[in-house]
Protein backbone atom coordinates (compact mmCIF):
# COMPACT_ATOMS: atom_id res chain seq x y z
CA MET A 1 12.55 57.96 -11.81
CA ASN A 2 11.36 57.61 -15.70
CA PRO A 3 8.03 56.22 -16.07
CA ALA A 4 8.32 52.94 -17.77
CA PRO A 5 6.66 52.63 -21.69
CA ILE A 6 3.20 51.54 -21.65
CA LEU A 7 2.62 48.74 -23.93
CA LEU A 8 -1.25 49.48 -24.57
CA PRO A 9 -1.38 52.51 -26.45
CA GLU A 10 1.86 51.65 -28.70
CA LEU A 11 0.32 48.08 -29.64
CA TRP A 12 -2.93 50.34 -30.26
CA ALA A 13 -1.39 52.38 -32.43
CA ASP A 14 0.89 49.65 -34.19
CA LEU A 15 -2.98 47.79 -34.92
CA ARG A 16 -3.75 51.00 -37.49
CA SER A 17 -0.28 50.36 -39.50
CA PRO A 18 -0.34 48.01 -42.00
CA ASP A 19 3.16 46.79 -40.79
CA PHE A 20 1.30 45.31 -37.88
CA LEU A 21 0.84 42.14 -40.10
CA TRP A 22 4.54 41.55 -40.04
CA GLN A 23 4.00 41.49 -36.26
CA VAL A 24 1.44 39.00 -36.34
CA GLY A 25 3.37 36.57 -39.06
CA THR A 26 6.39 36.66 -36.46
CA LEU A 27 4.40 36.07 -33.95
CA VAL A 28 2.91 32.95 -35.31
CA LEU A 29 5.85 31.77 -36.58
CA CYS A 30 7.94 31.84 -33.25
CA VAL A 31 5.23 30.07 -31.92
CA ILE A 32 5.10 27.50 -34.46
CA VAL A 33 8.57 26.78 -34.41
CA GLY A 34 8.63 27.18 -30.36
CA TRP A 35 5.95 24.46 -30.40
CA ALA A 36 7.58 22.25 -32.60
CA LEU A 37 10.95 22.31 -31.07
CA ALA A 38 9.55 21.42 -27.96
CA ARG A 39 7.96 18.19 -29.29
CA ILE A 40 11.07 17.32 -31.35
CA PHE A 41 12.83 17.81 -27.79
CA GLN A 42 10.08 15.13 -26.59
CA ARG A 43 10.27 12.53 -28.71
CA ARG A 44 14.05 12.27 -28.50
CA LEU A 45 13.75 12.46 -24.75
CA ALA A 46 11.20 9.37 -24.48
CA GLY A 47 13.30 7.95 -26.94
CA ARG A 48 16.69 7.78 -25.42
CA GLU A 49 18.00 4.71 -23.26
CA LEU A 50 16.77 4.13 -19.67
CA GLN A 51 20.91 4.47 -19.24
CA ALA A 52 21.10 7.60 -19.89
CA ARG A 53 18.32 8.01 -17.29
CA VAL A 54 20.73 10.18 -15.04
CA LEU A 55 21.94 12.64 -17.54
CA ARG A 56 17.97 14.06 -18.34
CA LEU A 57 17.30 14.36 -14.80
CA GLY A 58 16.59 18.20 -15.39
CA ALA A 59 15.50 18.38 -18.95
CA GLU A 60 13.23 15.38 -18.65
CA SER A 61 11.62 17.23 -15.59
CA PHE A 62 10.92 19.83 -17.67
CA ALA A 63 9.45 18.36 -20.78
CA ARG A 64 5.96 19.68 -19.87
CA VAL A 65 6.60 23.03 -19.46
CA LEU A 66 9.07 23.20 -22.50
CA PRO A 67 6.66 24.35 -24.97
CA PRO A 68 6.59 28.12 -23.62
CA PHE A 69 9.66 28.39 -22.52
CA MET A 70 10.60 27.64 -26.23
CA ILE A 71 8.04 29.93 -27.68
CA LEU A 72 9.21 32.70 -25.45
CA LEU A 73 12.77 31.93 -26.54
CA MET A 74 11.68 32.13 -30.34
CA ILE A 75 10.06 35.63 -29.43
CA VAL A 76 12.99 37.13 -27.53
CA ILE A 77 15.69 35.95 -30.51
CA ALA A 78 12.95 37.45 -32.99
CA ARG A 79 12.55 40.99 -31.31
CA PRO A 80 15.81 42.72 -32.19
CA MET A 81 15.62 41.08 -35.92
CA LEU A 82 12.42 42.58 -36.52
CA ALA A 83 12.87 45.68 -34.98
CA GLN A 84 15.44 47.04 -37.39
CA TRP A 85 12.91 47.65 -40.17
CA HIS A 86 9.12 47.06 -38.42
CA HIS A 87 7.91 48.09 -34.78
CA VAL A 88 7.93 45.38 -32.22
CA SER A 89 5.19 46.18 -29.67
CA LEU A 90 3.14 43.38 -30.27
CA LEU A 91 6.38 40.97 -29.61
CA LYS A 92 6.64 43.30 -26.44
CA PHE A 93 3.11 42.37 -25.27
CA ALA A 94 3.77 38.85 -25.79
CA ILE A 95 7.21 38.31 -24.24
CA PRO A 96 5.46 38.71 -20.79
CA LEU A 97 2.33 36.74 -21.73
CA VAL A 98 4.17 33.80 -22.51
CA GLY A 99 6.39 34.40 -19.66
CA SER A 100 3.46 34.72 -16.96
CA PHE A 101 1.89 31.60 -18.52
CA GLY A 102 5.15 29.55 -18.69
CA LEU A 103 6.12 30.78 -15.16
CA ILE A 104 2.56 29.55 -13.92
CA ARG A 105 3.04 26.53 -15.70
CA LEU A 106 6.41 25.64 -14.45
CA THR A 107 4.93 26.73 -11.05
CA PHE A 108 2.24 23.99 -10.89
CA TYR A 109 4.23 21.24 -12.43
CA MET A 110 7.04 21.85 -9.46
CA LEU A 111 4.29 22.01 -6.25
CA ARG A 112 2.42 18.58 -7.93
CA ARG A 113 6.04 16.93 -8.26
CA VAL A 114 6.63 17.85 -4.52
CA PHE A 115 3.32 17.94 -2.70
CA ALA A 116 0.87 15.99 -4.97
CA ARG A 117 3.05 12.83 -5.93
CA GLY A 118 0.09 10.14 -6.21
CA GLY A 119 -1.47 12.52 -8.46
CA HIS A 120 -4.66 14.24 -6.24
CA ALA A 121 -3.51 17.47 -5.35
CA GLY A 122 -5.02 18.91 -1.82
CA VAL A 123 -7.53 21.86 -1.28
CA PHE A 124 -4.33 23.58 0.00
CA ILE A 125 -2.59 23.01 -2.81
CA LEU A 126 -5.50 24.08 -5.26
CA ASN A 127 -6.13 27.00 -3.44
CA PHE A 128 -2.57 27.77 -3.51
CA GLU A 129 -2.29 28.15 -7.34
CA ARG A 130 -5.31 29.87 -7.77
CA VAL A 131 -4.10 32.59 -5.83
CA PHE A 132 -0.76 32.43 -7.21
CA ALA A 133 -2.03 32.46 -10.90
CA THR A 134 -4.07 35.61 -9.82
CA LEU A 135 -1.09 37.43 -8.70
CA VAL A 136 0.86 36.76 -11.80
CA TRP A 137 -1.51 37.66 -14.25
CA ILE A 138 -2.04 41.29 -11.75
CA GLY A 139 1.45 41.72 -12.09
CA PHE A 140 1.18 41.14 -15.88
CA VAL A 141 -1.28 43.99 -16.17
CA LEU A 142 1.02 46.31 -13.81
CA HIS A 143 3.52 45.71 -16.21
CA ILE A 144 1.85 46.74 -19.80
CA ALA A 145 0.08 49.54 -17.64
CA GLY A 146 3.51 50.91 -17.03
CA LEU A 147 2.98 50.67 -13.18
CA TRP A 148 5.47 48.33 -11.98
CA PRO A 149 8.28 51.19 -11.44
CA GLU A 150 5.88 53.36 -8.91
CA ILE A 151 5.02 50.13 -7.41
CA ILE A 152 8.69 49.24 -6.50
CA GLN A 153 9.52 52.90 -5.86
CA TYR A 154 6.56 52.83 -3.16
CA LEU A 155 7.46 49.33 -1.75
CA ASP A 156 11.44 50.70 -1.18
CA GLU A 157 10.35 54.00 0.38
CA THR A 158 7.71 52.21 2.83
CA VAL A 159 10.28 51.16 5.85
CA ILE A 160 9.29 48.93 8.45
CA PRO A 161 11.27 49.45 12.01
CA THR A 162 12.64 45.83 13.13
CA GLY A 163 14.30 46.29 16.14
CA ARG A 164 17.43 48.53 15.75
CA TYR A 165 17.36 48.47 12.01
CA LYS A 166 14.88 49.84 9.54
CA THR A 167 14.02 47.76 6.58
CA SER A 168 12.25 48.66 3.52
CA LEU A 169 8.75 46.53 2.60
CA LEU A 170 10.41 45.75 -0.82
CA THR A 171 13.58 43.87 0.69
CA ILE A 172 11.00 41.94 3.34
CA LEU A 173 8.89 40.65 0.20
CA GLN A 174 12.34 39.86 -1.62
CA ALA A 175 13.52 38.18 1.31
CA GLY A 176 10.66 36.09 1.81
CA LEU A 177 10.13 35.18 -2.31
CA SER A 178 13.95 34.05 -2.45
CA VAL A 179 13.22 31.96 0.77
CA ALA A 180 10.26 30.47 -1.04
CA VAL A 181 11.82 29.73 -4.35
CA THR A 182 15.00 28.26 -3.07
CA LEU A 183 13.13 25.81 -0.49
CA ILE A 184 10.45 24.89 -3.58
CA LEU A 185 13.51 24.00 -5.68
CA ALA A 186 15.22 22.05 -2.90
CA LEU A 187 11.85 20.20 -2.49
CA TRP A 188 11.40 19.52 -6.24
CA ALA A 189 15.01 18.53 -6.73
CA GLY A 190 14.79 16.23 -3.34
CA ALA A 191 11.78 14.62 -5.02
CA LEU A 192 13.25 14.21 -8.34
CA LEU A 193 16.51 12.44 -6.62
CA GLU A 194 14.18 9.95 -4.54
CA GLU A 195 12.36 8.97 -7.74
CA ARG A 196 15.50 7.94 -9.54
CA LEU A 197 17.03 6.35 -6.81
CA MET A 198 14.09 4.43 -6.38
CA ARG A 199 14.36 2.78 -9.68
CA LEU A 200 17.94 1.70 -9.62
CA ASP A 201 16.60 -1.80 -8.72
CA ALA A 202 21.13 -2.52 -8.44
CA MET A 203 20.71 -0.67 -4.77
CA HIS A 204 19.11 -2.13 -2.02
CA SER A 205 16.10 -0.78 -1.15
CA SER A 206 16.89 0.65 2.52
CA LEU A 207 20.17 2.23 0.81
CA ARG A 208 18.23 3.95 -1.63
CA VAL A 209 15.87 5.31 1.27
CA VAL A 210 18.33 6.56 3.38
CA MET A 211 20.26 8.22 -0.24
CA ALA A 212 16.76 9.57 -0.45
CA ARG A 213 16.26 11.16 3.03
CA VAL A 214 19.70 12.37 3.53
CA GLY A 215 19.90 14.10 -0.07
CA LYS A 216 16.48 15.94 0.66
CA ALA A 217 17.97 16.78 3.97
CA VAL A 218 21.02 18.29 2.30
CA LEU A 219 18.95 19.97 -0.55
CA ILE A 220 16.94 21.80 2.32
CA LEU A 221 19.59 22.84 4.57
CA VAL A 222 21.54 24.30 1.53
CA ALA A 223 18.44 26.37 0.45
CA VAL A 224 17.84 27.83 3.47
CA LEU A 225 21.48 28.66 4.02
CA ALA A 226 21.55 30.10 -0.03
CA SER A 227 18.25 31.83 0.95
CA LEU A 228 19.56 33.84 3.96
CA SER A 229 23.37 34.46 2.08
CA LEU A 230 20.56 36.19 -0.62
CA VAL A 231 18.70 38.16 1.86
CA GLY A 232 21.61 39.60 3.28
CA ILE A 233 21.82 37.55 6.55
CA ASP A 234 25.43 36.84 8.20
CA LEU A 235 24.90 33.12 8.95
CA THR A 236 27.86 33.58 11.37
CA VAL A 237 25.04 35.11 13.72
CA LEU A 238 23.46 31.22 13.55
CA SER A 239 25.96 30.07 15.75
CA VAL A 240 24.27 31.08 19.11
CA PHE A 241 20.83 30.30 17.76
CA GLY A 242 22.28 26.64 16.96
CA GLY A 243 23.56 26.22 20.54
CA ALA A 244 20.36 27.34 21.72
CA LEU A 245 18.43 24.87 19.61
CA GLY A 246 20.95 22.19 20.30
CA VAL A 247 19.86 22.53 23.87
CA GLY A 248 16.29 22.68 22.68
CA ILE A 249 16.76 19.86 20.91
CA GLY A 250 18.37 17.76 23.38
CA LEU A 251 15.89 18.29 26.72
CA GLY A 252 12.62 18.40 24.72
CA LEU A 253 12.73 16.12 21.49
CA GLN A 254 14.79 13.38 22.61
CA ARG A 255 11.89 10.70 21.65
CA ILE A 256 11.54 12.12 18.10
CA PHE A 257 15.41 12.14 17.21
CA SER A 258 15.74 9.36 18.61
CA SER A 259 13.14 8.29 16.35
CA TYR A 260 15.16 9.57 13.49
CA VAL A 261 18.37 8.04 14.66
CA SER A 262 16.82 4.33 14.97
CA GLY A 263 15.33 5.25 11.47
CA PHE A 264 18.86 5.68 10.11
CA VAL A 265 19.77 2.65 11.98
CA ILE A 266 17.30 0.47 10.43
CA LEU A 267 17.89 1.48 7.11
CA ILE A 268 21.87 0.95 7.13
CA GLU A 269 21.78 -1.86 9.09
CA ARG A 270 18.60 -3.53 6.49
CA SER A 271 17.06 -5.26 9.31
CA LEU A 272 14.05 -4.00 7.93
CA SER A 273 13.12 -3.59 4.12
CA ILE A 274 10.28 -3.07 2.59
CA GLY A 275 8.02 -6.12 1.68
CA ASP A 276 9.02 -7.55 4.78
CA VAL A 277 5.91 -9.29 7.34
CA VAL A 278 7.14 -8.57 10.82
CA ALA A 279 5.44 -8.50 14.03
CA VAL A 280 6.60 -5.85 16.94
CA ASP A 281 4.75 -5.52 20.30
CA LYS A 282 1.17 -6.26 19.75
CA TYR A 283 1.23 -4.95 15.83
CA GLN A 284 1.97 -7.39 13.07
CA GLY A 285 1.95 -6.66 9.26
CA THR A 286 3.88 -5.77 5.98
CA VAL A 287 6.20 -2.97 5.85
CA THR A 288 4.82 -0.71 3.43
CA HIS A 289 7.11 2.39 3.94
CA ILE A 290 10.18 3.11 6.08
CA ASN A 291 10.70 6.76 6.80
CA ALA A 292 13.22 8.56 8.81
CA ARG A 293 10.72 8.91 11.99
CA TYR A 294 8.32 6.11 11.52
CA THR A 295 7.77 2.42 10.01
CA VAL A 296 4.38 1.85 8.68
CA LEU A 297 3.03 -1.62 8.90
CA GLN A 298 -0.38 -2.63 6.80
CA ALA A 299 -2.11 -5.94 8.54
CA PRO A 300 -3.57 -8.59 6.54
CA ASP A 301 -7.50 -6.36 7.11
CA GLY A 302 -5.99 -3.40 5.42
CA VAL A 303 -5.25 -1.58 8.73
CA GLU A 304 -2.31 0.39 8.38
CA THR A 305 -0.46 1.21 12.06
CA VAL A 306 2.68 3.56 12.09
CA VAL A 307 4.94 2.36 14.33
CA PRO A 308 7.90 4.71 15.69
CA ASN A 309 11.24 3.29 14.68
CA ASP A 310 12.62 3.85 18.20
CA VAL A 311 10.01 0.79 19.30
CA LEU A 312 11.70 -1.10 16.41
CA ILE A 313 14.94 -0.55 17.96
CA SER A 314 14.07 -1.18 21.84
CA ASN A 315 11.94 -3.92 21.49
CA PRO A 316 12.68 -7.59 19.69
CA VAL A 317 10.58 -7.67 16.37
CA GLN A 318 9.85 -11.27 14.39
CA ASN A 319 11.12 -10.56 10.70
CA TYR A 320 9.06 -13.41 9.01
CA SER A 321 11.58 -12.87 5.59
CA LEU A 322 14.66 -11.27 6.82
CA SER A 323 16.86 -14.04 5.42
CA ASN A 324 14.54 -16.72 4.75
CA ARG A 325 11.14 -16.19 3.69
CA SER A 326 9.58 -19.74 4.53
CA LEU A 327 7.21 -19.72 7.19
CA ARG A 328 5.88 -22.99 8.65
CA LEU A 329 1.99 -22.90 9.64
CA MET A 330 0.02 -25.84 11.64
CA THR A 331 -3.30 -27.01 11.44
CA GLN A 332 -5.20 -29.61 13.50
CA VAL A 333 -7.92 -32.28 12.69
CA THR A 334 -9.78 -35.09 14.96
CA ILE A 335 -10.81 -38.49 13.07
CA GLY A 336 -12.32 -41.19 15.01
CA TYR A 337 -10.76 -44.29 17.01
CA ASP A 338 -12.55 -46.53 14.13
CA HIS A 339 -9.71 -45.25 11.45
CA ASP A 340 -6.85 -46.49 10.33
CA PRO A 341 -4.31 -43.61 10.90
CA ASP A 342 -1.85 -45.29 8.46
CA ALA A 343 -4.39 -44.96 5.58
CA VAL A 344 -5.70 -41.37 6.47
CA LEU A 345 -2.00 -39.59 7.15
CA PRO A 346 -0.36 -40.53 3.82
CA ALA A 347 -3.89 -39.28 2.08
CA LEU A 348 -4.02 -35.93 4.39
CA GLN A 349 -0.01 -34.94 3.29
CA GLN A 350 -0.87 -36.14 -0.65
CA ALA A 351 -4.13 -33.33 -0.21
CA VAL A 352 -2.33 -30.69 1.44
CA ALA A 353 0.99 -30.86 -0.67
CA SER A 354 -1.20 -30.29 -3.91
CA VAL A 355 -2.62 -26.74 -1.92
CA PRO A 356 -0.79 -23.91 -4.49
CA ARG A 357 0.72 -21.70 -1.70
CA VAL A 358 2.31 -24.91 -0.01
CA SER A 359 5.83 -25.32 -0.92
CA ALA A 360 7.31 -28.76 -1.74
CA LYS A 361 10.47 -28.33 0.00
CA PRO A 362 10.17 -29.17 3.09
CA PRO A 363 7.30 -30.83 2.46
CA PRO A 364 4.17 -31.06 4.38
CA HIS A 365 3.94 -33.06 7.54
CA VAL A 366 0.96 -35.34 9.08
CA ALA A 367 1.62 -36.50 12.61
CA LEU A 368 -0.54 -38.62 15.14
CA ALA A 369 -0.39 -35.44 18.08
CA ARG A 370 -2.11 -37.37 21.02
CA PHE A 371 -4.97 -39.75 21.70
CA GLY A 372 -7.61 -37.27 22.61
CA PRO A 373 -11.07 -38.00 24.81
CA ASP A 374 -13.11 -37.45 21.31
CA GLY A 375 -10.58 -39.49 19.23
CA LEU A 376 -7.13 -39.26 17.17
CA GLU A 377 -5.78 -36.12 17.10
CA LEU A 378 -3.74 -35.20 13.88
CA GLU A 379 -1.25 -32.29 13.47
CA VAL A 380 -0.63 -30.71 9.87
CA GLY A 381 2.36 -29.03 9.40
CA PHE A 382 3.51 -27.19 6.33
CA TRP A 383 5.59 -24.43 4.91
CA ILE A 384 4.72 -21.72 2.70
CA ALA A 385 7.24 -19.12 1.22
CA ASP A 386 4.90 -16.15 0.62
CA PRO A 387 4.36 -14.58 4.26
CA GLU A 388 3.25 -11.43 2.83
CA ASN A 389 0.21 -12.92 0.97
CA GLY A 390 -1.00 -13.81 5.15
CA LYS A 391 -1.33 -16.61 6.95
CA LEU A 392 -5.45 -17.29 7.62
CA GLY A 393 -5.72 -17.57 3.73
CA ALA A 394 -3.13 -20.74 3.18
CA ILE A 395 -4.54 -22.42 6.10
CA SER A 396 -8.12 -21.82 5.17
CA GLN A 397 -7.04 -23.57 1.55
CA VAL A 398 -5.32 -26.71 3.49
CA ASN A 399 -8.28 -26.79 6.01
CA HIS A 400 -10.66 -27.33 2.69
CA GLU A 401 -8.81 -30.07 1.24
CA ILE A 402 -8.62 -31.68 4.29
CA TRP A 403 -12.35 -31.89 4.66
CA ARG A 404 -12.52 -33.00 1.21
CA THR A 405 -10.01 -35.96 1.67
CA LEU A 406 -12.35 -36.88 5.06
CA LYS A 407 -14.78 -36.71 3.08
CA THR A 408 -14.06 -38.69 0.00
CA MET A 409 -12.57 -41.64 2.38
CA ASN A 410 -15.78 -41.67 4.63
CA VAL A 411 -13.43 -40.89 7.75
CA SER A 412 -15.84 -39.06 10.31
CA ILE A 413 -14.76 -36.12 12.33
CA PRO A 414 -16.11 -37.01 15.96
CA TYR A 415 -18.20 -34.32 17.96
CA GLN A 416 -17.45 -34.02 21.30
CA GLN A 417 -19.07 -36.73 23.83
CA ARG A 418 -20.23 -35.90 27.18
CA GLU A 419 -22.36 -38.25 29.47
CA ILE A 420 -24.74 -36.16 31.66
CA ARG A 421 -26.03 -38.05 35.52
CA ILE A 422 -28.79 -36.83 37.00
CA VAL A 423 -28.47 -37.82 40.89
CA GLU A 424 -31.49 -37.70 42.57
CA ARG A 425 -31.08 -36.37 45.78
CA GLN A 426 -32.38 -38.01 49.03
CA ASP A 427 -33.53 -36.47 51.85
CA VAL A 428 -31.90 -37.86 55.04
């Protein structure tokens, strides 16, 4: 194998040539033109109407990493043109340099879109980015030093026995790289698909979640099969493995797959939606996430409960906002027997109706529930249209209005009265 030309000696030789300024000027021009084209493309992309969002699915995703690739494209175009009159060692050096920078930036962007969509990258992602960037720059140094052919030849000649066959280390590395690249591309495409589907307001939220989950699963499956084909593995050998895997799933993963199937049933039949206030078993809260395996309920106190989807299918579920978001609440108050209920009840009804969260239709209702041992027991019933904001806050506001109204009318709330008699013991 003929050794590749070493770029550094050529570049050092051109540095002492007056024609080197042509290379510098060409490189600066390529940087300016590439950066300007990237900026123009980004501005046009940002100014387009939302109707063309699907058409610019891929272009918009690469908008942030366009500058290095546009600069690289300009250098690749300018190199053969300048080579007709001058040496191009500087441009040869710039191509892998800019390409390495673009590859690092593209990889970082895709990883963060997949694994750090909330804006916070974990420790593992940060460490992986450092390791990946180090490996890319090491590969760049080996390339400009002309050592890549020797390393590839060494990896190809290094054979590792795998059962009855022998596989070169180069093939193993290529297989691992192809699997990693295709999986990252599939996860990235799945994240983009989910993001776009969640913006379609005309489609029901449950249907959007179903399509996003199914699309991501299909993309991952296609990526795995494509990577195996690239490696050279015959996909027909997976039939035996698939049968064994099916038996294992049927025996050991019944509950997990039951939750997955239940999740798709919930999403398809739309019995639950994000934002619904539900109660199941001993848990109650607002539905914040509906995943393929579990549903997250957030209680009014902020505690989040992860409920497996099969629990939502096999148990009765109270949905406070399935077809009607109105919810009836109730509170009680006791007034003394010396007060006229015909005057108190309309005043309390008017006071409760003034609370902002209380619905006007149906109107609140105040009733004389019973004659209690300490006074007249009144029951105040009212409706709210926003159960996702909690019940305790609405009851508290109503109780405040009841208290202020009774104080204004000089209506007393009696205390419990108990008569205690002490009987003296008489000795027989």
